């Protein structure tokens, strides 16, 4: 199974963008984006985190929600 990242926001202008990350490497990718290798999200809860560049520069504040298979809409 591959890890997939996809924009899930409809086309056009939007105040909020939704990105879906799914697959076996999802949690490791998320940990890299928020630069917290020990982050263990509680299932189906929202967390306010900051996404940063590799240099540490802040890109944006984000809400993260983690669903572990098979407890998601798609079962992944």
N, C-alpha and C. Protein backbone atom coordinates (compact mmCIF):
# COMPACT_ATOMS: atom_id res chain seq x y z
N UNK A 1 0.84 -1.17 0.00
CA UNK A 1 0.00 0.00 0.00
C UNK A 1 0.89 1.24 0.00
N UNK A 2 0.51 2.21 -0.81
CA UNK A 2 1.24 3.48 -0.90
C UNK A 2 0.71 4.48 0.11
N UNK A 3 1.55 5.47 0.41
CA UNK A 3 1.10 6.62 1.20
C UNK A 3 0.72 7.71 0.21
N UNK A 4 -0.46 8.29 0.41
CA UNK A 4 -1.01 9.26 -0.54
C UNK A 4 -1.32 10.56 0.20
N UNK A 5 -0.96 11.68 -0.43
CA UNK A 5 -1.31 13.01 0.06
C UNK A 5 -2.17 13.64 -1.02
N UNK A 6 -3.35 14.16 -0.63
CA UNK A 6 -4.25 14.75 -1.62
C UNK A 6 -4.98 15.95 -1.04
N UNK A 7 -5.15 16.97 -1.86
CA UNK A 7 -5.97 18.11 -1.46
C UNK A 7 -7.42 17.66 -1.46
N UNK A 8 -8.12 17.91 -0.36
CA UNK A 8 -9.51 17.48 -0.23
C UNK A 8 -10.47 18.67 -0.19
N UNK A 9 -9.97 19.87 -0.41
CA UNK A 9 -10.80 21.07 -0.44
C UNK A 9 -11.33 21.26 -1.85
N UNK A 10 -12.58 21.69 -1.98
CA UNK A 10 -13.14 21.92 -3.31
C UNK A 10 -12.40 23.07 -4.00
N UNK A 11 -12.48 23.10 -5.31
CA UNK A 11 -11.84 24.16 -6.10
C UNK A 11 -12.47 25.51 -5.79
N UNK A 12 -11.69 26.54 -5.94
CA UNK A 12 -12.17 27.89 -5.70
C UNK A 12 -11.55 28.48 -4.46
N UNK A 13 -12.08 29.62 -4.03
CA UNK A 13 -11.56 30.30 -2.86
C UNK A 13 -12.11 29.66 -1.59
N UNK A 14 -11.26 29.59 -0.59
CA UNK A 14 -11.68 28.98 0.66
C UNK A 14 -10.84 29.54 1.80
N UNK A 15 -11.45 29.70 2.96
CA UNK A 15 -10.73 30.17 4.13
C UNK A 15 -9.91 29.05 4.75
N UNK A 16 -10.32 27.83 4.50
CA UNK A 16 -9.65 26.67 5.10
C UNK A 16 -9.33 25.67 4.00
N UNK A 17 -8.15 25.12 4.05
CA UNK A 17 -7.76 24.07 3.12
C UNK A 17 -7.67 22.75 3.85
N UNK A 18 -8.13 21.69 3.22
CA UNK A 18 -8.10 20.36 3.81
C UNK A 18 -7.19 19.47 2.99
N UNK A 19 -6.24 18.84 3.67
CA UNK A 19 -5.31 17.92 3.02
C UNK A 19 -5.47 16.57 3.71
N UNK A 20 -5.61 15.53 2.91
CA UNK A 20 -5.74 14.18 3.46
C UNK A 20 -4.45 13.43 3.20
N UNK A 21 -3.99 12.78 4.25
CA UNK A 21 -2.76 11.98 4.20
C UNK A 21 -3.15 10.58 4.64
N UNK A 22 -2.92 9.59 3.79
CA UNK A 22 -3.33 8.23 4.12
C UNK A 22 -2.25 7.23 3.69
N UNK A 23 -2.11 6.17 4.44
CA UNK A 23 -1.15 5.13 4.12
C UNK A 23 -0.19 4.86 5.26
N UNK A 24 0.66 3.88 5.09
CA UNK A 24 1.52 3.41 6.18
C UNK A 24 2.54 4.43 6.70
N UNK A 25 2.92 5.40 5.90
CA UNK A 25 3.91 6.39 6.35
C UNK A 25 3.28 7.69 6.83
N UNK A 26 1.97 7.74 6.93
CA UNK A 26 1.25 8.98 7.25
C UNK A 26 1.73 9.62 8.55
N UNK A 27 1.78 8.84 9.60
CA UNK A 27 2.13 9.40 10.91
C UNK A 27 3.57 9.91 10.92
N UNK A 28 4.47 9.20 10.27
CA UNK A 28 5.87 9.66 10.20
C UNK A 28 5.99 10.95 9.40
N UNK A 29 5.24 11.07 8.31
CA UNK A 29 5.25 12.30 7.51
C UNK A 29 4.71 13.45 8.35
N UNK A 30 3.60 13.22 9.05
CA UNK A 30 3.02 14.26 9.90
C UNK A 30 4.01 14.70 10.97
N UNK A 31 4.66 13.74 11.61
CA UNK A 31 5.64 14.08 12.64
C UNK A 31 6.77 14.94 12.07
N UNK A 32 7.18 14.67 10.82
CA UNK A 32 8.21 15.48 10.18
C UNK A 32 7.73 16.89 9.88
N UNK A 33 6.48 17.02 9.44
CA UNK A 33 5.93 18.34 9.12
C UNK A 33 5.79 19.22 10.35
N UNK A 34 5.41 18.63 11.47
CA UNK A 34 5.24 19.43 12.68
C UNK A 34 6.52 19.42 13.52
N UNK A 35 7.53 18.73 13.03
CA UNK A 35 8.84 18.64 13.69
C UNK A 35 8.73 18.18 15.14
N UNK A 36 7.94 17.12 15.32
CA UNK A 36 7.79 16.52 16.65
C UNK A 36 7.81 15.00 16.48
N UNK A 37 9.01 14.38 16.52
CA UNK A 37 9.12 12.95 16.26
C UNK A 37 8.43 12.07 17.30
N UNK A 38 8.04 12.64 18.44
CA UNK A 38 7.39 11.86 19.49
C UNK A 38 5.88 12.07 19.55
N UNK A 39 5.33 12.86 18.62
CA UNK A 39 3.90 13.15 18.62
C UNK A 39 3.09 11.86 18.45
N UNK A 40 2.24 11.58 19.43
CA UNK A 40 1.34 10.43 19.37
C UNK A 40 -0.08 10.97 19.52
N UNK A 41 -0.78 11.15 18.39
CA UNK A 41 -2.12 11.73 18.47
C UNK A 41 -3.13 10.78 19.08
N UNK A 42 -3.99 11.33 19.89
CA UNK A 42 -5.11 10.55 20.41
C UNK A 42 -6.11 10.39 19.27
N UNK A 43 -6.63 9.19 19.09
CA UNK A 43 -7.50 8.91 17.96
C UNK A 43 -8.76 9.78 17.98
N UNK A 44 -9.11 10.30 16.81
CA UNK A 44 -10.33 11.07 16.56
C UNK A 44 -10.45 12.32 17.42
N UNK A 45 -9.34 12.93 17.78
CA UNK A 45 -9.30 14.20 18.52
C UNK A 45 -8.61 15.24 17.64
N UNK A 46 -8.90 16.50 17.86
CA UNK A 46 -8.23 17.57 17.13
C UNK A 46 -7.08 18.14 17.93
N UNK A 47 -5.99 18.43 17.24
CA UNK A 47 -4.81 19.01 17.86
C UNK A 47 -4.39 20.23 17.06
N UNK A 48 -4.09 21.32 17.73
CA UNK A 48 -3.56 22.50 17.08
C UNK A 48 -2.05 22.37 17.05
N UNK A 49 -1.49 22.35 15.85
CA UNK A 49 -0.05 22.19 15.66
C UNK A 49 0.45 23.24 14.67
N UNK A 50 1.75 23.35 14.54
CA UNK A 50 2.36 24.26 13.58
C UNK A 50 3.19 23.44 12.60
N UNK A 51 3.00 23.72 11.32
CA UNK A 51 3.80 23.09 10.28
C UNK A 51 4.96 24.02 9.98
N UNK A 52 6.15 23.43 9.90
CA UNK A 52 7.37 24.23 9.72
C UNK A 52 8.20 23.69 8.56
N UNK A 53 8.99 24.58 8.00
CA UNK A 53 9.98 24.17 6.99
C UNK A 53 11.09 23.41 7.71
N UNK A 54 11.94 22.75 6.94
CA UNK A 54 13.08 22.05 7.53
C UNK A 54 13.96 22.99 8.33
N UNK A 55 14.00 24.26 7.93
CA UNK A 55 14.82 25.26 8.63
C UNK A 55 14.20 25.67 9.97
N UNK A 56 12.95 25.27 10.20
CA UNK A 56 12.26 25.65 11.42
C UNK A 56 11.31 26.81 11.24
N UNK A 57 11.34 27.44 10.05
CA UNK A 57 10.45 28.57 9.77
C UNK A 57 8.99 28.12 9.78
N UNK A 58 8.16 28.88 10.50
CA UNK A 58 6.74 28.57 10.60
C UNK A 58 6.05 28.79 9.26
N UNK A 59 5.32 27.79 8.80
CA UNK A 59 4.53 27.92 7.58
C UNK A 59 3.07 28.24 7.90
N UNK A 60 2.49 27.51 8.85
CA UNK A 60 1.08 27.72 9.17
C UNK A 60 0.70 26.95 10.42
N UNK A 61 -0.38 27.38 11.04
CA UNK A 61 -0.99 26.62 12.14
C UNK A 61 -2.05 25.73 11.53
N UNK A 62 -2.15 24.51 12.04
CA UNK A 62 -3.06 23.53 11.45
C UNK A 62 -3.81 22.77 12.54
N UNK A 63 -4.97 22.26 12.17
CA UNK A 63 -5.68 21.32 13.03
C UNK A 63 -5.43 19.93 12.47
N UNK A 64 -5.00 19.02 13.33
CA UNK A 64 -4.68 17.66 12.93
C UNK A 64 -5.66 16.71 13.60
N UNK A 65 -6.21 15.80 12.81
CA UNK A 65 -7.07 14.75 13.34
C UNK A 65 -6.56 13.43 12.80
N UNK A 66 -6.42 12.43 13.67
CA UNK A 66 -5.83 11.15 13.28
C UNK A 66 -6.86 10.04 13.44
N UNK A 67 -7.06 9.31 12.36
CA UNK A 67 -7.96 8.16 12.36
C UNK A 67 -7.15 6.94 11.98
N UNK A 68 -7.16 5.95 12.83
CA UNK A 68 -6.41 4.73 12.56
C UNK A 68 -7.35 3.68 11.96
N UNK A 69 -6.86 2.96 10.96
CA UNK A 69 -7.67 1.93 10.30
C UNK A 69 -8.16 0.91 11.33
N UNK A 70 -9.34 0.46 11.20
CA UNK A 70 -10.36 0.71 10.19
C UNK A 70 -11.38 1.76 10.65
N UNK A 71 -11.02 2.68 11.52
CA UNK A 71 -11.96 3.63 12.13
C UNK A 71 -12.01 4.96 11.39
N UNK A 72 -12.01 4.93 10.08
CA UNK A 72 -12.14 6.15 9.29
C UNK A 72 -13.25 5.94 8.28
N UNK A 73 -13.61 6.99 7.57
CA UNK A 73 -14.68 6.91 6.58
C UNK A 73 -14.38 5.87 5.52
N UNK A 74 -13.13 5.81 5.09
CA UNK A 74 -12.74 4.86 4.03
C UNK A 74 -12.27 3.52 4.57
N UNK A 75 -12.06 3.45 5.89
CA UNK A 75 -11.57 2.21 6.49
C UNK A 75 -10.08 2.04 6.41
N UNK A 76 -9.37 3.04 5.86
CA UNK A 76 -7.91 2.96 5.75
C UNK A 76 -7.25 3.38 7.04
